Amino acid sequence: MLFVTLRQALDGDGLSGREIARLLGVDDEIPIEKHRRHARRYAMRWTSENTPKTARSRQERAVSARIIEGWMLRFLTAGESHGPALVVTVDGMPAGLQIDIDALNAQLRRRQGGYGRGRRMQIESDTVEVIAGVRRGRSTGAPIAFLIRNRDWVNWQQTMHAEAEMPDGATGAKRANVTRPRPGHADLAGAIKYGHDDIRDVLERASARETAARVAAGSLARQLLGRFGVKLASHVTAIGQVVLPDDRMVTFDEAAAIAPDDPVRCADATLQQRMIAAIDAARESGDTVGGAFEVIVTGLPPGLGSYVQWDRKLDGRLAQALMCIHAIKAVGIGIGPEVAIRPGSRVHDEILPPASGAGAPSRPTNNAGGLEGGVTNGQDVRVTAFMKPIATLMKPLRSVDLNTLHDAPAAIERSDVCAVPAAAVVGEAMTSFVLADAFLEKFGGDSVDEIQAHYDVTREAIRRRFAVPSA
């Protein structure tokens, strides 16, 4: 009974601050949240000390850790668009994962491609340098750190030097302060928030250049998922007003078959030239164009995520991960916004007997996008992100000079006309990372071998549950 009560304290379920205080034998006048934090620490320690190792499942420990820390897997990035380099640190990657650096660099090359990219991508040639956490080709369980050098740094040293005074030998041009914020960018909000007079202190970090580091982190997560048969692909569904028809359901195999150097990464060849024409038209008019892409994930087991708390719902976690990609303004799961206008009979996926007479129930449709109640149901996960046009226009919109508050055209920075195909690669990376986090939450372990053992046990349990009953 004490263990159950402590688990309640750990989960924050059903116990008031005073009940937690009585349980721990402490002053009930101490603020409730302080008791709750104390209870969680105590519950974890008590569980560890009083439960036999054989009775403590990896899943129990993994979920407990997530409740306290907030994640199983996480990453942090650092670096500016025109600084020396980008840095990413990935924490929580289990030991024993074979790391394919060539495959990781291939994902970075994919991010640099796509029709409508600017001149910056002609300068860069992104590859990672492993700084920590990998030895002899395998993860050690320690944080993994990568460095991605900016080749363009040589052209910006007089503007972006870290030293208080420009160092001798600094190269590139000394650029004037940026004082005219671009509508739709972080420029104005960031300058106000952090008190910057030179908007460059905002735009250098707010730049989508940072997504190269996310792709590196996501590629690690992708390789972990791939170890268990999970695969990802993406395809562009819209560029401006050129949109894939609603009734055109692109399969995983179709999306996976798109060549890495395809200019717009659309699965429908009949739309490709129209999409390219839309990008060309925007370029010629000094404008930019947005669009949409879908990420498809196949091979995921059922049961990732949870419906029991709002922040454990996997669809919400995926939406946040995609919404935080630069210029993404909306996310849909499955058929997305279409659910708002269809009747329920045309939205919900019916549940039918197994197609082969054995196995899990079958689903004739996948409008839910592989997620029900915030939990994977075994079908392909399908997530769509909607990207606004890039905020830098060659024919700039109206703005003000923050020094004078007088009318002035928005600043112009070197930029893309369209980055939707590249954003799809970033979307794959962010989706990979969230799903790998959920995978570790479900099948947690300190090494890949431990995770494999737990995964195999769970898979066998599901197989037995849906085995054909004996006569």
Protein backbone atom coordinates (compact mmCIF):
# COMPACT_ATOMS: atom_id res chain seq x y z
CA MET A 1 0.00 0.00 0.00
CA LEU A 2 2.85 2.36 0.79
CA PHE A 3 4.31 1.73 -2.67
CA VAL A 4 0.96 2.51 -4.34
CA THR A 5 0.61 5.73 -2.37
CA LEU A 6 4.15 6.72 -3.22
CA ARG A 7 3.44 6.02 -6.89
CA GLN A 8 0.47 8.39 -6.57
CA ALA A 9 2.80 11.01 -5.12
CA LEU A 10 5.27 10.39 -7.90
CA ASP A 11 2.64 10.77 -10.59
CA GLY A 12 0.93 13.68 -8.86
CA ASP A 13 -2.40 11.81 -8.95
CA GLY A 14 -5.08 12.11 -6.30
CA LEU A 15 -3.05 13.43 -3.39
CA SER A 16 -3.32 16.86 -1.83
CA GLY A 17 -0.33 18.71 -0.44
CA ARG A 18 -1.38 17.93 3.14
CA GLU A 19 -1.81 14.20 2.32
CA ILE A 20 1.68 14.17 0.87
CA ALA A 21 2.92 15.99 3.99
CA ARG A 22 1.35 13.39 6.28
CA LEU A 23 2.79 10.57 4.17
CA LEU A 24 6.29 12.02 4.51
CA GLY A 25 5.88 13.12 8.13
CA VAL A 26 6.67 16.76 7.46
CA ASP A 27 5.16 20.17 8.20
CA ASP A 28 1.85 20.58 6.36
CA GLU A 29 2.33 24.36 6.28
CA ILE A 30 5.14 24.05 3.74
CA PRO A 31 3.87 25.04 0.27
CA ILE A 32 2.10 22.19 -1.50
CA GLU A 33 4.38 22.12 -4.56
CA LYS A 34 7.43 21.80 -2.31
CA HIS A 35 5.85 18.71 -0.74
CA ARG A 36 5.10 17.31 -4.17
CA ARG A 37 8.70 17.75 -5.32
CA HIS A 38 9.93 16.17 -2.08
CA ALA A 39 7.48 13.30 -2.49
CA ARG A 40 8.65 12.58 -6.00
CA ARG A 41 12.28 12.41 -4.94
CA TYR A 42 11.41 10.27 -1.91
CA ALA A 43 9.16 7.98 -3.93
CA MET A 44 11.86 7.32 -6.47
CA ARG A 45 14.41 6.58 -3.73
CA TRP A 46 11.98 4.38 -1.77
CA THR A 47 11.00 2.46 -4.89
CA SER A 48 14.63 1.83 -5.76
CA GLU A 49 15.56 0.70 -2.23
CA ASN A 50 12.49 -1.44 -1.45
CA THR A 51 11.50 -3.10 -4.69
CA PRO A 52 13.48 -6.15 -5.82
CA LYS A 53 15.37 -5.54 -9.03
CA THR A 54 13.57 -8.39 -10.73
CA ALA A 55 10.20 -6.77 -10.00
CA ARG A 56 11.13 -3.37 -11.36
CA SER A 57 10.32 -3.28 -15.03
CA ARG A 58 12.31 -1.11 -17.35
CA GLN A 59 9.06 0.52 -18.41
CA GLU A 60 8.26 1.52 -14.82
CA ARG A 61 11.70 3.09 -14.39
CA ALA A 62 11.51 4.78 -17.77
CA VAL A 63 8.11 6.33 -17.15
CA SER A 64 9.15 7.44 -13.65
CA ALA A 65 12.21 9.12 -15.07
CA ARG A 66 10.13 10.89 -17.68
CA ILE A 67 7.69 12.20 -15.06
CA ILE A 68 10.55 13.80 -13.15
CA GLU A 69 12.85 14.90 -15.97
CA GLY A 70 10.22 15.60 -18.65
CA TRP A 71 11.84 13.47 -21.38
CA MET A 72 13.95 10.41 -22.04
CA LEU A 73 15.82 11.92 -24.96
CA ARG A 74 16.62 15.58 -25.50
CA PHE A 75 18.92 17.83 -27.47
CA LEU A 76 20.22 21.37 -27.25
CA THR A 77 21.74 23.43 -30.05
CA ALA A 78 23.98 26.50 -30.10
CA GLY A 79 25.44 28.71 -32.76
CA GLU A 80 24.58 31.58 -35.07
CA SER A 81 23.84 31.60 -38.77
CA HIS A 82 27.09 33.36 -39.66
CA GLY A 83 29.17 32.34 -36.65
CA PRO A 84 32.01 29.81 -36.72
CA ALA A 85 29.83 26.71 -36.29
CA LEU A 86 26.69 25.07 -35.01
CA VAL A 87 26.83 22.71 -32.04
CA VAL A 88 24.30 20.09 -30.96
CA THR A 89 24.34 17.90 -27.86
CA VAL A 90 22.07 14.86 -27.63
CA ASP A 91 21.42 13.50 -24.14
CA GLY A 92 19.78 10.16 -23.37
CA MET A 93 20.92 8.11 -26.34
CA PRO A 94 21.39 4.52 -25.13
CA ALA A 95 24.73 2.79 -25.33
CA GLY A 96 25.60 0.37 -28.09
CA LEU A 97 23.92 2.06 -31.06
CA GLN A 98 25.98 1.74 -34.23
CA ILE A 99 26.29 5.30 -35.56
CA ASP A 100 26.39 5.74 -39.34
CA ILE A 101 28.03 9.14 -39.87
CA ASP A 102 27.70 8.85 -43.65
CA ALA A 103 23.93 8.39 -43.31
CA LEU A 104 23.79 11.37 -40.96
CA ASN A 105 25.68 13.56 -43.42
CA ALA A 106 23.36 12.39 -46.20
CA GLN A 107 20.43 13.84 -44.23
CA LEU A 108 22.31 17.14 -43.91
CA ARG A 109 22.78 17.19 -47.69
CA ARG A 110 19.07 16.60 -48.18
CA ARG A 111 18.31 19.60 -45.97
CA GLN A 112 20.48 21.81 -48.17
CA GLY A 113 18.62 20.86 -51.32
CA GLY A 114 15.28 21.71 -52.87
CA TYR A 115 14.20 24.16 -55.53
CA GLY A 116 14.03 27.77 -54.36
CA ARG A 117 16.97 27.73 -51.97
CA GLY A 118 19.24 30.80 -51.78
CA ARG A 119 22.93 31.31 -52.47
CA ARG A 120 23.93 30.35 -48.92
CA MET A 121 23.42 26.67 -49.67
CA GLN A 122 25.92 26.97 -52.53
CA ILE A 123 28.54 28.03 -49.99
CA GLU A 124 27.93 25.46 -47.27
CA SER A 125 28.70 21.76 -47.39
CA ASP A 126 27.38 20.51 -44.08
CA THR A 127 29.03 17.57 -42.34
CA VAL A 128 29.33 16.68 -38.67
CA GLU A 129 32.44 16.37 -36.56
CA VAL A 130 31.94 14.04 -33.62
CA ILE A 131 33.06 15.74 -30.42
CA ALA A 132 31.84 13.34 -27.74
CA GLY A 133 29.73 10.30 -26.91
CA VAL A 134 30.81 7.98 -29.74
CA ARG A 135 33.71 5.53 -29.61
CA ARG A 136 34.67 3.05 -32.29
CA GLY A 137 31.47 3.74 -34.14
CA ARG A 138 29.08 3.14 -31.23
CA SER A 139 27.29 5.33 -28.72
CA THR A 140 28.67 5.03 -25.20
CA GLY A 141 25.61 6.21 -23.29
CA ALA A 142 27.22 9.59 -22.62
CA PRO A 143 25.91 12.80 -24.23
CA ILE A 144 26.73 12.91 -27.94
CA ALA A 145 28.06 16.21 -29.29
CA PHE A 146 28.41 17.24 -32.93
CA LEU A 147 30.00 20.27 -34.55
CA ILE A 148 28.87 21.60 -37.96
CA ARG A 149 31.21 24.27 -39.28
CA ASN A 150 29.90 27.30 -41.19
CA ARG A 151 32.04 27.76 -44.28
CA ASP A 152 30.54 31.23 -44.66
CA TRP A 153 32.22 32.30 -41.39
CA VAL A 154 35.24 33.54 -43.33
CA ASN A 155 33.01 36.23 -44.86
CA TRP A 156 31.57 37.40 -41.53
CA GLN A 157 34.39 37.55 -39.01
CA GLN A 158 34.48 41.37 -38.88
CA THR A 159 30.75 41.42 -38.11
CA MET A 160 30.29 38.34 -35.92
CA HIS A 161 33.48 38.17 -33.80
CA ALA A 162 32.94 37.15 -30.18
CA GLU A 163 35.72 39.34 -28.80
CA ALA A 164 34.94 42.82 -27.48
CA GLU A 165 37.29 44.30 -30.08
CA MET A 166 37.70 43.05 -33.61
CA PRO A 167 40.67 40.65 -33.61
CA ASP A 168 43.61 41.17 -35.91
CA GLY A 169 43.25 39.31 -39.16
CA ALA A 170 39.44 39.16 -39.04
CA THR A 171 38.08 38.62 -42.55
CA GLY A 172 34.93 39.60 -44.39
CA ALA A 173 33.05 42.88 -44.35
CA LYS A 174 32.09 44.99 -41.34
CA ARG A 175 28.34 45.32 -41.79
CA ALA A 176 26.11 48.06 -40.43
CA ASN A 177 23.65 47.39 -37.63
CA VAL A 178 20.25 46.01 -38.65
CA THR A 179 17.53 48.37 -37.42
CA ARG A 180 14.59 47.72 -39.77
CA PRO A 181 12.68 44.59 -38.64
CA ARG A 182 11.12 42.25 -41.20
CA PRO A 183 7.38 41.57 -40.84
CA GLY A 184 6.83 37.90 -40.07
CA HIS A 185 10.30 37.34 -38.62
CA ALA A 186 11.49 37.25 -35.00
CA ASP A 187 13.28 40.59 -35.57
CA LEU A 188 10.96 43.01 -33.77
CA ALA A 189 9.70 40.69 -31.02
CA GLY A 190 13.23 39.48 -30.30
CA ALA A 191 14.69 42.99 -30.19
CA ILE A 192 12.02 44.04 -27.71
CA LYS A 193 12.35 40.89 -25.58
CA TYR A 194 16.14 41.00 -25.22
CA GLY A 195 16.69 44.74 -25.52
CA HIS A 196 18.91 44.58 -28.61
CA ASP A 197 19.67 47.73 -30.59
CA ASP A 198 21.18 45.70 -33.43
CA ILE A 199 18.63 43.21 -34.74
CA ARG A 200 21.47 41.02 -35.97
CA ASP A 201 21.70 39.71 -32.40
CA VAL A 202 18.21 38.30 -32.97
CA LEU A 203 18.23 37.14 -36.56
CA GLU A 204 21.52 35.27 -36.33
CA ARG A 205 20.06 32.84 -33.81
CA ALA A 206 16.48 32.92 -35.12
CA SER A 207 17.72 31.93 -38.57
CA ALA A 208 16.67 28.56 -39.99
CA ARG A 209 20.37 27.79 -40.35
CA GLU A 210 19.98 26.30 -36.86
CA THR A 211 17.90 23.47 -38.32
CA ALA A 212 21.09 21.83 -39.62
CA ALA A 213 21.85 20.97 -35.99
CA ARG A 214 18.31 19.62 -35.53
CA VAL A 215 18.72 17.37 -38.55
CA ALA A 216 21.93 15.99 -37.05
CA ALA A 217 20.14 15.21 -33.77
CA GLY A 218 17.13 13.81 -35.60
CA SER A 219 19.34 11.58 -37.71
CA LEU A 220 20.66 9.94 -34.55
CA ALA A 221 17.10 9.33 -33.38
CA ARG A 222 16.20 8.02 -36.84
CA GLN A 223 19.03 5.49 -36.62
CA LEU A 224 17.80 4.32 -33.22
CA LEU A 225 14.28 3.84 -34.61
CA GLY A 226 15.68 2.10 -37.66
CA ARG A 227 17.34 -0.44 -35.38
CA PHE A 228 13.78 -1.60 -34.57
CA GLY A 229 12.38 -1.49 -38.10
CA VAL A 230 10.85 1.99 -37.99
CA LYS A 231 11.19 4.00 -41.21
CA LEU A 232 10.39 7.61 -42.14
CA ALA A 233 9.76 9.46 -45.39
CA SER A 234 8.25 12.78 -46.40
CA HIS A 235 6.77 14.46 -49.44
CA VAL A 236 5.66 17.97 -50.35
CA THR A 237 1.90 18.33 -50.64
CA ALA A 238 1.68 22.01 -51.62
CA ILE A 239 3.73 24.90 -52.96
CA GLY A 240 1.67 28.06 -52.89
CA GLN A 241 -1.62 27.34 -54.64
CA VAL A 242 -0.37 24.19 -56.32
CA VAL A 243 -1.81 21.55 -54.01
CA LEU A 244 -1.98 17.77 -54.07
CA PRO A 245 -5.68 16.76 -54.37
CA ASP A 246 -7.34 15.75 -51.09
CA ASP A 247 -8.20 12.32 -52.45
CA ARG A 248 -4.59 11.60 -53.45
CA MET A 249 -3.26 9.48 -50.59
CA VAL A 250 0.51 9.11 -50.99
CA THR A 251 1.76 5.78 -49.66
CA PHE A 252 4.90 5.37 -47.62
CA ASP A 253 6.59 3.54 -50.47
CA GLU A 254 5.80 6.40 -52.87
CA ALA A 255 7.27 8.97 -50.50
CA ALA A 256 10.33 6.84 -49.77
CA ALA A 257 10.97 6.44 -53.51
CA ILE A 258 11.44 10.20 -54.03
CA ALA A 259 15.07 10.83 -54.98
CA PRO A 260 17.20 12.76 -52.46
CA ASP A 261 17.95 15.40 -55.11
CA ASP A 262 14.37 15.77 -56.35
CA PRO A 263 13.80 19.55 -56.76
CA VAL A 264 10.44 19.81 -54.99
CA ARG A 265 10.00 16.32 -53.48
CA CYS A 266 6.42 15.92 -54.62
CA ALA A 267 5.19 12.35 -55.16
CA ASP A 268 2.93 13.47 -58.00
CA ALA A 269 5.13 14.07 -61.05
CA THR A 270 2.30 15.93 -62.81
CA LEU A 271 2.47 18.71 -60.20
CA GLN A 272 6.24 19.09 -60.10
CA GLN A 273 6.59 21.54 -62.99
CA ARG A 274 3.68 23.63 -61.73
CA MET A 275 5.35 23.86 -58.30
CA ILE A 276 8.64 24.92 -59.88
CA ALA A 277 6.77 27.53 -61.92
CA ALA A 278 5.14 28.89 -58.75
CA ILE A 279 8.58 29.31 -57.14
CA ASP A 280 9.95 30.99 -60.26
CA ALA A 281 7.01 33.40 -60.34
CA ALA A 282 7.58 34.37 -56.73
CA ARG A 283 11.29 34.95 -57.37
CA GLU A 284 10.61 37.12 -60.42
CA SER A 285 8.19 39.30 -58.45
CA GLY A 286 10.54 39.71 -55.48
CA ASP A 287 8.23 37.59 -53.33
CA THR A 288 8.37 34.28 -51.47
CA VAL A 289 6.08 31.26 -51.35
CA GLY A 290 5.16 28.69 -48.69
CA GLY A 291 3.49 25.32 -48.78
CA ALA A 292 3.01 22.07 -46.91
CA PHE A 293 4.65 18.70 -46.42
CA GLU A 294 3.68 15.38 -44.88
CA VAL A 295 5.89 13.06 -42.82
CA ILE A 296 4.95 9.36 -42.89
CA VAL A 297 6.29 6.86 -40.36
CA THR A 298 5.86 3.12 -40.80
CA GLY A 299 6.75 0.21 -38.54
CA LEU A 300 5.87 1.86 -35.24
CA PRO A 301 4.50 -0.48 -32.59
CA PRO A 302 1.17 0.29 -30.94
CA GLY A 303 1.26 1.82 -27.48
CA LEU A 304 3.71 4.73 -27.80
CA GLY A 305 2.50 7.85 -25.99
CA SER A 306 -0.31 7.95 -23.47
CA TYR A 307 -3.78 9.38 -22.90
CA VAL A 308 -3.44 9.71 -19.11
CA GLN A 309 -1.85 13.18 -19.00
CA TRP A 310 -2.00 16.07 -21.46
CA ASP A 311 1.76 16.32 -21.91
CA ARG A 312 2.19 12.62 -22.63
CA LYS A 313 -0.17 12.59 -25.62
CA LEU A 314 2.02 11.77 -28.60
CA ASP A 315 0.01 13.77 -31.13
CA GLY A 316 0.51 16.89 -29.00
CA ARG A 317 4.23 16.23 -28.69
CA LEU A 318 4.55 15.76 -32.45
CA ALA A 319 2.58 18.94 -33.13
CA GLN A 320 4.86 20.95 -30.85
CA ALA A 321 7.97 19.49 -32.47
CA LEU A 322 6.81 20.47 -35.95
CA MET A 323 5.39 23.84 -34.92
CA CYS A 324 8.78 24.85 -33.55
CA ILE A 325 10.36 24.52 -37.01
CA HIS A 326 10.95 27.95 -38.52
CA ALA A 327 7.91 29.33 -40.43
CA ILE A 328 5.59 26.41 -39.61
CA LYS A 329 2.22 27.86 -38.64
CA ALA A 330 -0.09 24.82 -38.48
CA VAL A 331 0.11 21.06 -38.04
CA GLY A 332 -2.39 18.34 -38.92
CA ILE A 333 -2.49 14.68 -37.86
CA GLY A 334 -3.98 12.26 -40.38
CA ILE A 335 -6.51 14.16 -42.46
CA GLY A 336 -5.97 17.18 -40.19
CA PRO A 337 -8.34 20.14 -40.60
CA GLU A 338 -10.62 18.04 -42.77
CA VAL A 339 -12.02 16.46 -39.60
CA ALA A 340 -13.79 19.74 -38.82
CA ILE A 341 -16.04 19.58 -41.87
CA ARG A 342 -16.67 15.87 -42.36
CA PRO A 343 -19.37 13.92 -40.50
CA GLY A 344 -18.12 11.43 -37.94
CA SER A 345 -18.99 8.51 -40.19
CA ARG A 346 -16.38 9.76 -42.68
CA VAL A 347 -13.73 10.60 -40.09
CA HIS A 348 -13.38 7.67 -37.71
CA ASP A 349 -11.54 4.58 -38.91
CA GLU A 350 -13.65 1.44 -38.49
CA ILE A 351 -12.21 -1.56 -36.65
CA LEU A 352 -12.58 -4.88 -38.50
CA PRO A 353 -11.53 -8.48 -37.84
CA PRO A 354 -7.99 -9.42 -38.86
CA ALA A 355 -7.66 -9.67 -42.61
CA SER A 356 -5.86 -13.03 -42.43
CA GLY A 357 -7.96 -14.51 -39.62
CA ALA A 358 -5.21 -13.90 -37.08
CA GLY A 359 -3.33 -10.93 -35.71
CA ALA A 360 -4.51 -7.51 -34.57
CA PRO A 361 -7.82 -6.04 -35.82
CA SER A 362 -7.55 -4.37 -39.21
CA ARG A 363 -8.41 -0.79 -40.20
CA PRO A 364 -9.67 -0.05 -43.73
CA THR A 365 -8.70 3.64 -43.47
CA ASN A 366 -6.18 5.78 -41.59
CA ASN A 367 -7.85 9.16 -41.20
CA ALA A 368 -6.51 9.34 -37.63
CA GLY A 369 -2.95 9.27 -38.90
CA GLY A 370 -1.92 6.34 -36.71
CA LEU A 371 -2.77 8.08 -33.42
CA GLU A 372 -5.86 7.68 -31.27
CA GLY A 373 -6.10 9.22 -27.82
CA GLY A 374 -2.50 10.36 -28.13
CA VAL A 375 -1.30 6.76 -28.55
CA THR A 376 0.05 4.95 -31.62
CA ASN A 377 -2.35 2.28 -32.86
CA GLY A 378 0.03 0.36 -35.13
CA GLN A 379 -0.88 2.13 -38.37
CA ASP A 380 1.42 4.53 -40.19
CA VAL A 381 1.79 7.84 -38.37
CA ARG A 382 1.05 10.71 -40.76
CA VAL A 383 1.75 14.32 -39.80
CA THR A 384 1.38 17.37 -42.06
CA ALA A 385 3.00 20.76 -41.46
CA PHE A 386 2.00 24.03 -43.12
CA MET A 387 4.74 26.55 -43.81
CA LYS A 388 4.29 30.28 -44.36
CA PRO A 389 6.40 32.12 -46.96
CA ILE A 390 9.91 33.16 -45.92
CA ALA A 391 9.90 36.58 -44.21
CA THR A 392 12.73 38.15 -46.27
CA LEU A 393 11.33 39.67 -49.47
CA MET A 394 13.48 41.17 -52.21
CA LYS A 395 10.71 43.75 -52.58
CA PRO A 396 10.45 44.46 -48.87
CA LEU A 397 7.27 45.22 -46.98
CA ARG A 398 6.76 48.38 -44.98
CA SER A 399 8.48 48.63 -41.61
CA VAL A 400 10.08 51.26 -39.38
CA ASP A 401 13.64 52.09 -38.40
CA LEU A 402 13.85 51.33 -34.68
CA ASN A 403 16.34 54.16 -34.19
CA THR A 404 14.02 56.85 -35.59
CA LEU A 405 10.59 55.13 -35.61
CA HIS A 406 10.11 56.58 -39.09
CA ASP A 407 8.79 54.65 -42.07
CA ALA A 408 11.42 52.47 -43.72
CA PRO A 409 11.43 49.35 -45.89
CA ALA A 410 12.15 46.10 -44.05
CA ALA A 411 15.73 44.88 -44.07
CA ILE A 412 16.85 42.44 -46.74
CA GLU A 413 18.95 39.45 -45.76
CA ARG A 414 20.21 36.77 -48.11
CA SER A 415 17.43 34.19 -48.10
CA ASP A 416 15.42 31.55 -49.91
CA VAL A 417 12.41 32.03 -52.15
CA CYS A 418 10.93 28.71 -51.01
CA ALA A 419 12.22 26.29 -48.37
CA VAL A 420 9.32 23.82 -48.16
CA PRO A 421 11.28 20.83 -49.58
CA ALA A 422 14.09 21.49 -47.10
CA ALA A 423 11.62 21.95 -44.23
CA ALA A 424 10.26 18.48 -44.96
CA VAL A 425 13.69 17.04 -44.12
CA VAL A 426 13.71 19.02 -40.87
CA GLY A 427 10.21 17.70 -40.22
CA GLU A 428 11.47 14.14 -40.57
CA ALA A 429 14.23 14.90 -38.07
CA MET A 430 11.93 16.42 -35.46
CA THR A 431 9.39 13.63 -35.90
CA SER A 432 12.18 11.07 -35.48
CA PHE A 433 13.33 12.68 -32.26
CA VAL A 434 9.89 12.78 -30.65
CA LEU A 435 9.12 9.20 -31.66
CA ALA A 436 12.50 7.98 -30.40
CA ASP A 437 11.77 9.69 -27.09
CA ALA A 438 8.39 7.94 -26.91
CA PHE A 439 10.03 4.65 -27.91
CA LEU A 440 12.52 4.92 -25.06
CA GLU A 441 9.71 5.85 -22.69
CA LYS A 442 7.90 2.63 -23.64
CA PHE A 443 10.87 0.26 -24.01
CA GLY A 444 13.45 2.08 -21.89
CA GLY A 445 16.91 0.76 -21.10
CA ASP A 446 20.46 1.98 -20.77
CA SER A 447 21.68 0.03 -23.79
CA VAL A 448 20.29 -1.01 -27.14
CA ASP A 449 20.38 -4.65 -26.02
CA GLU A 450 18.20 -3.90 -22.98
CA ILE A 451 15.72 -2.02 -25.17
CA GLN A 452 15.67 -4.90 -27.66
CA ALA A 453 14.84 -7.39 -24.89
CA HIS A 454 11.94 -5.29 -23.63
CA TYR A 455 10.73 -4.65 -27.18
CA ASP A 456 10.73 -8.38 -27.95
CA VAL A 457 8.78 -9.23 -24.79
CA THR A 458 6.14 -6.60 -25.57
CA ARG A 459 5.82 -7.67 -29.19
CA GLU A 460 5.35 -11.30 -28.14
CA ALA A 461 2.69 -10.29 -25.60
CA ILE A 462 0.75 -8.47 -28.31
CA ARG A 463 1.09 -11.44 -30.66
CA ARG A 464 -0.29 -13.78 -28.02
CA ARG A 465 -3.18 -11.47 -27.23
CA PHE A 466 -4.39 -11.57 -30.81
CA ALA A 467 -3.55 -15.19 -31.54
CA VAL A 468 -6.39 -17.32 -32.93
CA PRO A 469 -8.28 -18.83 -29.96
CA SER A 470 -8.04 -22.60 -29.73
CA ALA A 471 -11.19 -24.50 -30.63
